[in-house]
Amino acid sequence: MNNIIIRNAQIVNEGQIFNGDLWIENDRIKKIEANISCPAKCIEIDAKGMYILPGCIDDQVHFREPGLTHKGDISSESKAAVAGGVTTFMEMPNTVPNVLTQKLLQDKYNIAEQHSLANYSFFMGVSNNNLEEVLKTNPKNVCGVKIFMGSSTGNMLVDDTRVLEQLFKNVPLLIATHCEDEQTIKKNLQQAINQYGENIPVSEHAHIRSRESCYLSSSFAVQLAKKYNTRLHVLHLSTAEECALFENKVELTKKRITSEVCVHHLFFSSDDYQNKGNLIKWNPSIKEKSDQKELWNALIDGRIDVVASDHAPHTLSEKSNSYLNCPSGGPLVQHTLLAMLEKHREGLLSIQQVVEKMAHNPSLCFQVKDRGFLREGYFADLVLINPQKKTKVTKNSLHYKCAWSPFESSVFSHSVFATFVNGVMVYKEGEFCEVPAAKRLEFDR
């Protein structure tokens, strides 16, 4: 039996902060009270001066297994996740082979069952010709269906309008979309090649994968969702214009159309291409400071519901290639929570809002069963944050297989002291407990 009481913590949950104790029994939260009487054989942890937050749920990661494990794998990247306070991840289908059948989807669950330190779910992938397989997806134990409405790393582009209509009409669970208009991107890329030849500067990425390409695709996805009453979740917004597509006057659980922003679009702008170069080459591209500002506004006022990482590791040698030969994406999952807490320290948003966007709302959006909140009877997925100890991002501190981060040399004002997954302390101050604690997510659908 697992019996742990965390004492004297500042508990952050459902819009409140209060001092108290939290009792973990086996894999669940047994009790949350001001002062819990200690049962026999109970381990006590004094968390005075620390916060207890519900573990983050990252609804968009690329852990690269199977097929691309030179970049990352479920074991290495889930270690980085729990080191960053992320207790649950939802992983994308553009691995090798692309997850376009139920068998390939199950293969990934089998790997995670053996190797993941964090709770897990995997998106079913879509192509222009696998609708029958997609419709077999079980909404009770699969997070959603992912549609690439713009090509990205591991091309799974769905560009047949008839197929999109059938998907939005018939898929009974959440559809998550990568929205960029492919024809606009191709036109912009050809113009860049005509101007620069093979030596396209990375700063052109924001013009090639332009705001127009994003808005055309996002607005089309929203149009389809409204037409068929589809449960749509638009991933990684990157422009001010897209923010206007979403509303904040409806309670989240009643929204049929929701949205996400990723940390890199909140923390970097086109001004950073000069110093960061290909390290901040993402799809969709990082755009102007005015876009960054409006993304923050939309996040805070509720038009944007979720913050995620889009963790997508590539090797440094791959990122060192020329623009045309450099893959898009970068590793972030270890520092998304600390980055957002930095903005809390700066006064941009409250710590309650950080928890809302990174734990509560992902749980509500995906209808995750018994996770995302600090509630009695819920799974004990939680993170202890030390607001007095700084974190400097160095190569030696990274747990990614690719061994680099766009946040290198940054200093964050908080640190992750410990992370619990299903009641097991899987991480504490740089050390891991690699026991089989993680579980496959279930959904209340």
Protein backbone atom coordinates (compact mmCIF):
# COMPACT_ATOMS: atom_id res chain seq x y z
CA MET A 1 0.00 0.00 0.00
CA ASN A 2 1.20 3.48 -0.92
CA ASN A 3 0.54 5.90 1.98
CA ILE A 4 1.95 9.42 1.67
CA ILE A 5 0.95 12.69 3.30
CA ILE A 6 2.30 15.93 1.85
CA ARG A 7 2.11 18.59 4.55
CA ASN A 8 2.09 22.38 4.80
CA ALA A 9 1.84 23.04 1.07
CA GLN A 10 0.16 25.85 -0.83
CA ILE A 11 -2.43 23.84 -2.77
CA VAL A 12 -3.43 25.38 -6.10
CA ASN A 13 -6.65 24.00 -7.52
CA GLU A 14 -9.85 25.17 -9.24
CA GLY A 15 -9.14 28.88 -8.88
CA GLN A 16 -8.04 28.76 -5.24
CA ILE A 17 -4.80 28.71 -3.24
CA PHE A 18 -4.96 27.40 0.31
CA ASN A 19 -2.55 25.94 2.84
CA GLY A 20 -3.10 22.31 3.68
CA ASP A 21 -2.18 18.65 3.56
CA LEU A 22 -2.77 16.10 0.82
CA TRP A 23 -2.99 12.37 1.54
CA ILE A 24 -2.16 9.84 -1.17
CA GLU A 25 -3.36 6.27 -0.70
CA ASN A 26 -2.32 3.81 -3.40
CA ASP A 27 -2.84 5.61 -6.72
CA ARG A 28 -5.51 8.08 -5.59
CA ILE A 29 -5.92 11.24 -3.55
CA LYS A 30 -7.48 10.07 -0.30
CA LYS A 31 -8.03 13.39 1.44
CA ILE A 32 -7.28 17.12 1.19
CA GLU A 33 -7.61 19.01 4.48
CA ALA A 34 -5.96 21.70 6.55
CA ASN A 35 -4.41 19.18 8.95
CA ILE A 36 -4.65 15.44 8.30
CA SER A 37 -4.09 13.02 11.17
CA CYS A 38 -1.30 10.67 10.20
CA PRO A 39 -2.30 7.02 9.83
CA ALA A 40 0.11 4.21 10.72
CA LYS A 41 3.03 3.55 8.37
CA CYS A 42 2.48 6.79 6.51
CA ILE A 43 5.37 8.57 4.78
CA GLU A 44 5.30 12.31 5.46
CA ILE A 45 6.73 14.98 3.18
CA ASP A 46 7.09 18.52 4.51
CA ALA A 47 6.31 20.86 1.60
CA LYS A 48 6.38 24.12 3.54
CA GLY A 49 6.98 27.00 1.16
CA MET A 50 6.09 24.88 -1.87
CA TYR A 51 3.09 24.67 -4.16
CA ILE A 52 1.18 21.51 -4.98
CA LEU A 53 -0.25 21.69 -8.50
CA PRO A 54 -2.17 19.04 -10.42
CA GLY A 55 0.18 17.42 -12.90
CA CYS A 56 0.18 19.04 -16.31
CA ILE A 57 -1.60 17.33 -19.21
CA ASP A 58 0.26 18.05 -22.45
CA ASP A 59 -2.16 17.45 -25.29
CA GLN A 60 0.43 17.66 -28.08
CA VAL A 61 3.79 15.92 -28.10
CA HIS A 62 5.89 14.01 -30.63
CA PHE A 63 7.97 11.40 -28.79
CA ARG A 64 9.24 9.86 -32.07
CA GLU A 65 8.69 6.19 -31.30
CA PRO A 66 8.49 4.03 -33.35
CA GLY A 67 10.74 4.73 -36.30
CA LEU A 68 12.49 7.97 -35.32
CA THR A 69 14.10 6.94 -32.05
CA HIS A 70 17.44 8.60 -32.87
CA LYS A 71 15.58 11.83 -31.99
CA GLY A 72 13.66 10.62 -28.93
CA ASP A 73 11.65 7.72 -27.60
CA ILE A 74 8.81 7.20 -25.17
CA SER A 75 11.17 6.37 -22.31
CA SER A 76 13.53 9.33 -22.72
CA GLU A 77 10.91 11.95 -23.50
CA SER A 78 8.52 10.85 -20.77
CA LYS A 79 11.40 11.21 -18.32
CA ALA A 80 11.84 14.78 -19.51
CA ALA A 81 8.09 15.28 -19.15
CA VAL A 82 7.88 14.22 -15.51
CA ALA A 83 11.02 16.24 -14.75
CA GLY A 84 9.00 19.23 -15.94
CA GLY A 85 5.85 18.44 -13.98
CA VAL A 86 3.98 16.89 -16.92
CA THR A 87 2.26 13.74 -15.67
CA THR A 88 0.19 12.99 -18.78
CA PHE A 89 0.85 13.31 -22.50
CA MET A 90 -1.09 12.83 -25.73
CA GLU A 91 1.18 11.85 -28.59
CA MET A 92 0.82 12.45 -32.31
CA PRO A 93 0.52 9.86 -35.11
CA ASN A 94 3.28 11.07 -37.47
CA THR A 95 5.75 8.44 -36.33
CA VAL A 96 7.18 5.83 -38.71
CA PRO A 97 5.08 4.09 -39.83
CA ASN A 98 2.30 6.68 -39.66
CA VAL A 99 -0.46 5.55 -37.30
CA LEU A 100 -3.17 4.93 -39.86
CA THR A 101 -4.53 1.58 -38.64
CA GLN A 102 -5.88 0.36 -35.33
CA LYS A 103 -3.06 -2.20 -35.13
CA LEU A 104 -0.38 0.48 -35.46
CA LEU A 105 -2.19 2.55 -32.86
CA GLN A 106 -2.21 -0.38 -30.44
CA ASP A 107 1.49 -0.99 -31.09
CA LYS A 108 2.24 2.43 -29.62
CA TYR A 109 0.13 1.72 -26.55
CA ASN A 110 2.09 -1.50 -26.06
CA ILE A 111 5.39 0.41 -26.12
CA ALA A 112 4.12 3.00 -23.66
CA GLU A 113 2.85 0.33 -21.28
CA GLN A 114 6.40 -0.98 -21.01
CA HIS A 115 8.43 2.23 -21.08
CA SER A 116 6.49 5.42 -20.21
CA LEU A 117 7.00 7.24 -16.90
CA ALA A 118 3.97 9.47 -17.57
CA ASN A 119 0.34 8.61 -18.28
CA TYR A 120 -0.31 8.36 -21.98
CA SER A 121 -2.73 8.44 -24.86
CA PHE A 122 -2.16 8.42 -28.61
CA PHE A 123 -4.03 10.11 -31.43
CA MET A 124 -5.35 8.07 -34.33
CA GLY A 125 -3.94 9.35 -37.61
CA VAL A 126 -5.79 10.27 -40.78
CA SER A 127 -4.91 10.08 -44.47
CA ASN A 128 -6.95 10.71 -47.57
CA ASN A 129 -7.99 7.04 -47.66
CA ASN A 130 -8.32 5.48 -44.19
CA LEU A 131 -11.74 6.70 -43.07
CA GLU A 132 -12.92 3.15 -42.32
CA GLU A 133 -10.04 2.61 -39.89
CA VAL A 134 -10.55 6.01 -38.27
CA LEU A 135 -14.17 5.24 -37.53
CA LYS A 136 -13.12 2.14 -35.55
CA THR A 137 -11.40 4.35 -32.95
CA ASN A 138 -12.68 3.82 -29.43
CA PRO A 139 -13.64 7.17 -27.81
CA LYS A 140 -13.38 5.60 -24.34
CA ASN A 141 -9.63 4.96 -24.47
CA VAL A 142 -8.21 7.08 -27.33
CA CYS A 143 -7.75 10.83 -26.88
CA GLY A 144 -8.78 11.85 -30.39
CA VAL A 145 -8.25 11.85 -34.13
CA LYS A 146 -5.49 14.04 -35.59
CA ILE A 147 -5.86 15.66 -39.01
CA PHE A 148 -2.91 17.38 -40.65
CA MET A 149 -4.66 20.01 -42.77
CA GLY A 150 -1.16 21.24 -43.61
CA SER A 151 1.93 19.11 -44.21
CA SER A 152 4.44 18.89 -41.40
CA THR A 153 7.21 16.61 -40.20
CA GLY A 154 6.24 13.14 -41.34
CA ASN A 155 3.80 14.22 -44.04
CA MET A 156 0.23 13.02 -43.36
CA LEU A 157 -1.49 15.77 -45.31
CA VAL A 158 -5.25 15.44 -45.73
CA ASP A 159 -6.14 17.78 -48.59
CA ASP A 160 -9.17 16.10 -50.14
CA THR A 161 -12.16 18.28 -49.27
CA ARG A 162 -14.55 15.36 -49.69
CA VAL A 163 -12.57 13.32 -47.15
CA LEU A 164 -12.53 16.24 -44.71
CA GLU A 165 -16.28 16.61 -45.04
CA GLN A 166 -16.76 12.91 -44.24
CA LEU A 167 -14.41 13.09 -41.26
CA PHE A 168 -16.08 16.14 -39.73
CA LYS A 169 -19.49 14.63 -40.37
CA ASN A 170 -18.87 11.10 -39.04
CA VAL A 171 -16.05 11.00 -36.46
CA PRO A 172 -17.74 10.75 -33.03
CA LEU A 173 -14.79 11.87 -30.89
CA LEU A 174 -12.58 14.94 -30.70
CA ILE A 175 -10.82 15.96 -33.91
CA ALA A 176 -7.55 17.84 -33.41
CA THR A 177 -6.22 19.76 -36.40
CA HIS A 178 -2.91 21.14 -37.62
CA CYS A 179 -4.14 24.05 -39.73
CA GLU A 180 -2.06 25.50 -42.56
CA ASP A 181 -3.17 25.88 -46.18
CA GLU A 182 -0.86 23.80 -48.35
CA GLN A 183 -1.35 25.67 -51.62
CA THR A 184 -0.52 28.99 -49.98
CA ILE A 185 2.64 27.52 -48.47
CA LYS A 186 3.75 26.03 -51.81
CA LYS A 187 3.26 29.38 -53.56
CA ASN A 188 5.19 31.26 -50.86
CA LEU A 189 8.00 28.70 -50.89
CA GLN A 190 8.43 28.97 -54.64
CA GLN A 191 8.64 32.75 -54.36
CA ALA A 192 11.34 32.38 -51.69
CA ILE A 193 13.29 29.94 -53.88
CA ASN A 194 13.03 32.36 -56.80
CA GLN A 195 14.43 35.13 -54.62
CA TYR A 196 17.07 33.30 -52.56
CA GLY A 197 17.77 30.05 -54.39
CA GLU A 198 19.05 27.39 -51.98
CA ASN A 199 20.07 30.00 -49.38
CA ILE A 200 16.69 30.89 -47.91
CA PRO A 201 17.18 32.60 -44.50
CA VAL A 202 15.19 31.04 -41.67
CA SER A 203 13.57 34.44 -41.05
CA GLU A 204 11.57 33.78 -44.24
CA HIS A 205 9.84 30.87 -42.50
CA ALA A 206 7.20 33.23 -41.10
CA HIS A 207 6.43 34.45 -44.63
CA ILE A 208 6.50 31.01 -46.26
CA ARG A 209 4.25 29.40 -43.66
CA SER A 210 2.34 32.64 -43.46
CA ARG A 211 -0.50 34.05 -41.40
CA GLU A 212 -2.72 33.73 -44.47
CA SER A 213 -2.03 30.00 -44.70
CA CYS A 214 -2.93 29.56 -41.03
CA TYR A 215 -6.13 31.58 -41.15
CA LEU A 216 -7.40 30.02 -44.36
CA SER A 217 -7.05 26.55 -42.89
CA SER A 218 -8.21 27.30 -39.33
CA SER A 219 -11.28 29.18 -40.53
CA PHE A 220 -12.14 26.30 -42.88
CA ALA A 221 -11.85 23.80 -40.00
CA VAL A 222 -14.10 25.96 -37.83
CA GLN A 223 -16.57 26.27 -40.72
CA LEU A 224 -16.71 22.47 -41.12
CA ALA A 225 -17.10 21.96 -37.37
CA LYS A 226 -20.01 24.38 -37.21
CA LYS A 227 -21.63 22.73 -40.21
CA TYR A 228 -21.51 19.23 -38.67
CA ASN A 229 -21.44 20.11 -34.95
CA THR A 230 -18.03 18.40 -34.73
CA ARG A 231 -15.99 18.41 -31.53
CA LEU A 232 -13.00 20.35 -32.89
CA HIS A 233 -9.76 21.28 -31.13
CA VAL A 234 -7.47 23.55 -33.19
CA LEU A 235 -3.84 23.07 -32.25
CA HIS A 236 -0.97 25.57 -31.96
CA LEU A 237 -2.54 28.89 -32.92
CA SER A 238 0.13 31.31 -34.13
CA THR A 239 -1.63 34.43 -35.42
CA ALA A 240 -3.71 37.28 -34.06
CA GLU A 241 -6.30 36.73 -36.79
CA GLU A 242 -7.00 33.15 -35.71
CA CYS A 243 -7.81 34.24 -32.16
CA ALA A 244 -10.95 35.93 -33.48
CA LEU A 245 -12.32 32.53 -34.58
CA PHE A 246 -12.87 31.42 -30.97
CA GLU A 247 -15.20 32.56 -28.22
CA ASN A 248 -14.95 33.05 -24.49
CA LYS A 249 -18.59 33.53 -23.56
CA VAL A 250 -19.38 29.81 -23.25
CA GLU A 251 -18.36 27.50 -20.42
CA LEU A 252 -15.55 25.22 -21.58
CA THR A 253 -17.49 21.99 -21.08
CA LYS A 254 -20.16 23.34 -23.44
CA LYS A 255 -17.79 24.46 -26.19
CA ARG A 256 -17.78 22.37 -29.35
CA ILE A 257 -14.79 24.26 -30.77
CA THR A 258 -11.70 24.84 -28.62
CA SER A 259 -8.13 25.94 -29.21
CA GLU A 260 -4.57 25.57 -28.00
CA VAL A 261 -1.44 27.69 -27.99
CA CYS A 262 2.09 26.37 -27.57
CA VAL A 263 4.80 27.79 -25.39
CA HIS A 264 7.13 28.66 -28.26
CA HIS A 265 4.51 30.90 -29.87
CA LEU A 266 4.09 32.66 -26.52
CA PHE A 267 7.81 33.06 -25.76
CA PHE A 268 9.45 33.69 -29.14
CA SER A 269 8.73 36.07 -32.01
CA SER A 270 10.17 36.66 -35.47
CA ASP A 271 12.75 38.95 -33.85
CA ASP A 272 14.37 35.83 -32.39
CA TYR A 273 15.20 34.19 -35.72
CA GLN A 274 18.36 36.27 -35.87
CA ASN A 275 19.82 34.66 -32.74
CA LYS A 276 18.03 31.31 -32.54
CA GLY A 277 17.92 30.46 -36.25
CA ASN A 278 16.65 26.97 -37.08
CA LEU A 279 16.29 26.13 -33.38
CA ILE A 280 12.97 27.98 -33.45
CA LYS A 281 11.83 26.72 -36.84
CA TRP A 282 8.38 25.29 -36.08
CA ASN A 283 5.24 24.55 -38.06
CA PRO A 284 3.17 26.70 -37.82
CA SER A 285 5.90 29.32 -37.87
CA ILE A 286 6.72 31.78 -35.12
CA LYS A 287 5.42 35.13 -36.26
CA GLU A 288 5.40 38.79 -35.22
CA LYS A 289 5.44 40.34 -31.75
CA SER A 290 1.91 41.61 -32.42
CA ASP A 291 0.78 38.00 -32.89
CA GLN A 292 2.55 36.97 -29.69
CA LYS A 293 0.79 39.77 -27.80
CA GLU A 294 -2.66 38.80 -29.09
CA LEU A 295 -2.06 35.11 -28.32
CA TRP A 296 -1.40 36.11 -24.70
CA ASN A 297 -4.54 38.26 -24.69
CA ALA A 298 -6.65 35.41 -26.05
CA LEU A 299 -5.16 32.94 -23.60
CA ILE A 300 -5.92 35.15 -20.63
CA ASP A 301 -9.43 36.13 -21.71
CA GLY A 302 -10.47 32.56 -22.50
CA ARG A 303 -10.59 32.43 -26.28
CA ILE A 304 -7.62 30.06 -26.11
CA ASP A 305 -8.26 27.17 -23.74
CA VAL A 306 -5.06 25.11 -23.46
CA VAL A 307 -1.28 25.59 -23.30
CA ALA A 308 0.87 22.76 -24.67
CA SER A 309 4.45 22.10 -25.77
CA ASP A 310 4.24 20.53 -29.25
CA HIS A 311 7.43 18.84 -28.05
CA ALA A 312 9.10 17.67 -31.28
CA PRO A 313 12.77 16.74 -30.89
CA HIS A 314 15.25 16.66 -33.76
CA THR A 315 18.99 16.18 -33.47
CA LEU A 316 21.27 19.19 -33.49
CA SER A 317 22.89 17.91 -36.68
CA GLU A 318 19.46 17.90 -38.34
CA LYS A 319 18.71 21.41 -37.08
CA SER A 320 22.12 22.57 -38.36
CA ASN A 321 21.14 21.95 -41.97
CA SER A 322 20.18 24.69 -44.41
CA TYR A 323 16.62 26.02 -44.24
CA LEU A 324 15.29 23.74 -46.97
CA ASN A 325 16.83 20.66 -45.36
CA CYS A 326 16.09 21.49 -41.72
CA PRO A 327 13.10 19.79 -40.06
CA SER A 328 10.61 21.87 -38.09
CA GLY A 329 10.06 21.37 -34.36
CA GLY A 330 11.99 21.41 -31.11
CA PRO A 331 12.12 19.92 -27.60
CA LEU A 332 10.15 21.79 -24.93
CA VAL A 333 8.23 19.45 -22.61
CA GLN A 334 10.73 19.69 -19.73
CA HIS A 335 10.29 23.45 -19.34
CA THR A 336 6.76 24.38 -20.43
CA LEU A 337 5.45 24.61 -16.87
CA LEU A 338 8.48 26.53 -15.60
CA ALA A 339 8.20 28.94 -18.53
CA MET A 340 4.55 29.64 -17.76
CA LEU A 341 5.31 30.05 -14.05
CA GLU A 342 7.88 32.65 -15.07
CA LYS A 343 5.10 34.70 -16.63
CA HIS A 344 3.17 34.29 -13.39
CA ARG A 345 6.19 35.66 -11.51
CA GLU A 346 6.21 38.60 -13.91
CA GLY A 347 2.54 39.29 -13.14
CA LEU A 348 1.10 38.47 -16.56
CA LEU A 349 -1.22 35.75 -15.25
CA SER A 350 -2.02 34.07 -11.94
CA ILE A 351 -0.72 30.69 -10.88
CA GLN A 352 -4.35 29.56 -10.84
CA GLN A 353 -4.55 30.44 -14.54
CA VAL A 354 -1.39 28.45 -15.25
CA VAL A 355 -3.01 25.42 -13.61
CA GLU A 356 -6.25 26.02 -15.46
CA LYS A 357 -4.62 26.14 -18.91
CA MET A 358 -2.16 23.27 -18.35
CA ALA A 359 -4.12 20.81 -16.19
CA HIS A 360 -7.82 21.59 -15.70
CA ASN A 361 -8.67 22.63 -19.25
CA PRO A 362 -6.89 19.81 -21.09
CA SER A 363 -8.77 17.40 -18.83
CA LEU A 364 -12.09 19.09 -19.58
CA CYS A 365 -11.44 19.47 -23.32
CA PHE A 366 -10.67 15.79 -23.76
CA GLN A 367 -13.01 14.55 -21.01
CA VAL A 368 -10.15 12.77 -19.27
CA LYS A 369 -11.39 10.51 -16.52
CA ASP A 370 -10.33 11.38 -12.93
CA ARG A 371 -7.29 13.53 -13.80
CA GLY A 372 -6.34 17.18 -14.14
CA PHE A 373 -7.61 18.31 -10.73
CA LEU A 374 -6.62 17.88 -7.07
CA ARG A 375 -9.80 16.16 -5.91
CA GLU A 376 -10.44 13.41 -3.41
CA GLY A 377 -10.87 10.18 -5.35
CA TYR A 378 -8.94 11.41 -8.39
CA PHE A 379 -5.66 9.86 -9.45
CA ALA A 380 -2.71 11.29 -7.53
CA ASP A 381 -1.00 13.05 -10.45
CA LEU A 382 0.65 16.10 -8.97
CA VAL A 383 3.78 18.21 -8.93
CA LEU A 384 5.56 19.97 -6.07
CA ILE A 385 6.99 23.34 -7.12
CA ASN A 386 9.67 25.19 -5.18
CA PRO A 387 9.27 28.94 -5.85
CA GLN A 388 12.48 29.75 -3.95
CA LYS A 389 14.85 27.62 -6.04
CA LYS A 390 15.82 28.75 -9.53
CA THR A 391 16.32 26.48 -12.52
CA LYS A 392 19.10 27.19 -15.01
CA VAL A 393 18.65 25.36 -18.30
CA THR A 394 21.94 23.72 -19.25
CA LYS A 395 22.81 20.81 -21.54
CA ASN A 396 23.67 18.70 -18.51
CA SER A 397 20.23 19.26 -16.99
CA LEU A 398 18.30 18.11 -20.08
CA HIS A 399 16.67 14.69 -20.25
CA TYR A 400 15.84 14.77 -23.96
CA LYS A 401 17.63 12.26 -26.15
CA CYS A 402 18.39 15.07 -28.61
CA ALA A 403 20.26 16.92 -25.81
CA TRP A 404 19.42 20.52 -26.67
CA SER A 405 16.74 23.11 -25.90
CA PRO A 406 15.78 26.53 -27.28
CA PHE A 407 15.63 27.61 -23.62
CA GLU A 408 19.32 26.83 -22.98
CA SER A 409 20.97 29.44 -20.73
CA SER A 410 17.56 30.65 -19.52
CA VAL A 411 17.04 30.90 -15.77
CA PHE A 412 13.56 30.21 -14.42
CA SER A 413 12.48 31.43 -11.00
CA HIS A 414 10.88 28.14 -9.93
CA SER A 415 11.97 24.51 -9.87
CA VAL A 416 10.21 21.17 -9.96
CA PHE A 417 10.91 19.49 -6.62
CA ALA A 418 8.95 16.27 -7.20
CA THR A 419 6.41 14.74 -9.56
CA PHE A 420 3.89 12.04 -8.66
CA VAL A 421 2.20 9.81 -11.25
CA ASN A 422 -0.66 7.69 -9.89
CA GLY A 423 0.65 8.17 -6.36
CA VAL A 424 4.25 7.18 -7.14
CA MET A 425 7.03 9.75 -6.80
CA VAL A 426 8.58 9.17 -10.21
CA TYR A 427 10.86 12.22 -10.03
CA LYS A 428 12.59 14.10 -7.23
CA GLU A 429 15.29 16.77 -7.67
CA GLY A 430 16.94 15.24 -10.69
CA GLU A 431 16.42 11.57 -9.77
CA PHE A 432 13.91 9.17 -11.28
CA CYS A 433 12.04 6.20 -9.90
CA GLU A 434 11.45 4.08 -12.99
CA VAL A 435 8.65 1.85 -11.72
CA PRO A 436 5.57 0.89 -13.78
CA ALA A 437 3.28 3.59 -12.40
CA ALA A 438 1.95 5.16 -15.61
CA LYS A 439 -1.47 4.26 -16.99
CA ARG A 440 -3.35 4.52 -20.27
CA LEU A 441 -5.88 7.34 -20.15
CA GLU A 442 -9.59 6.70 -20.04
CA PHE A 443 -12.21 9.20 -21.15
CA ASP A 444 -15.73 10.03 -19.93
CA ARG A 445 -17.41 9.97 -23.33
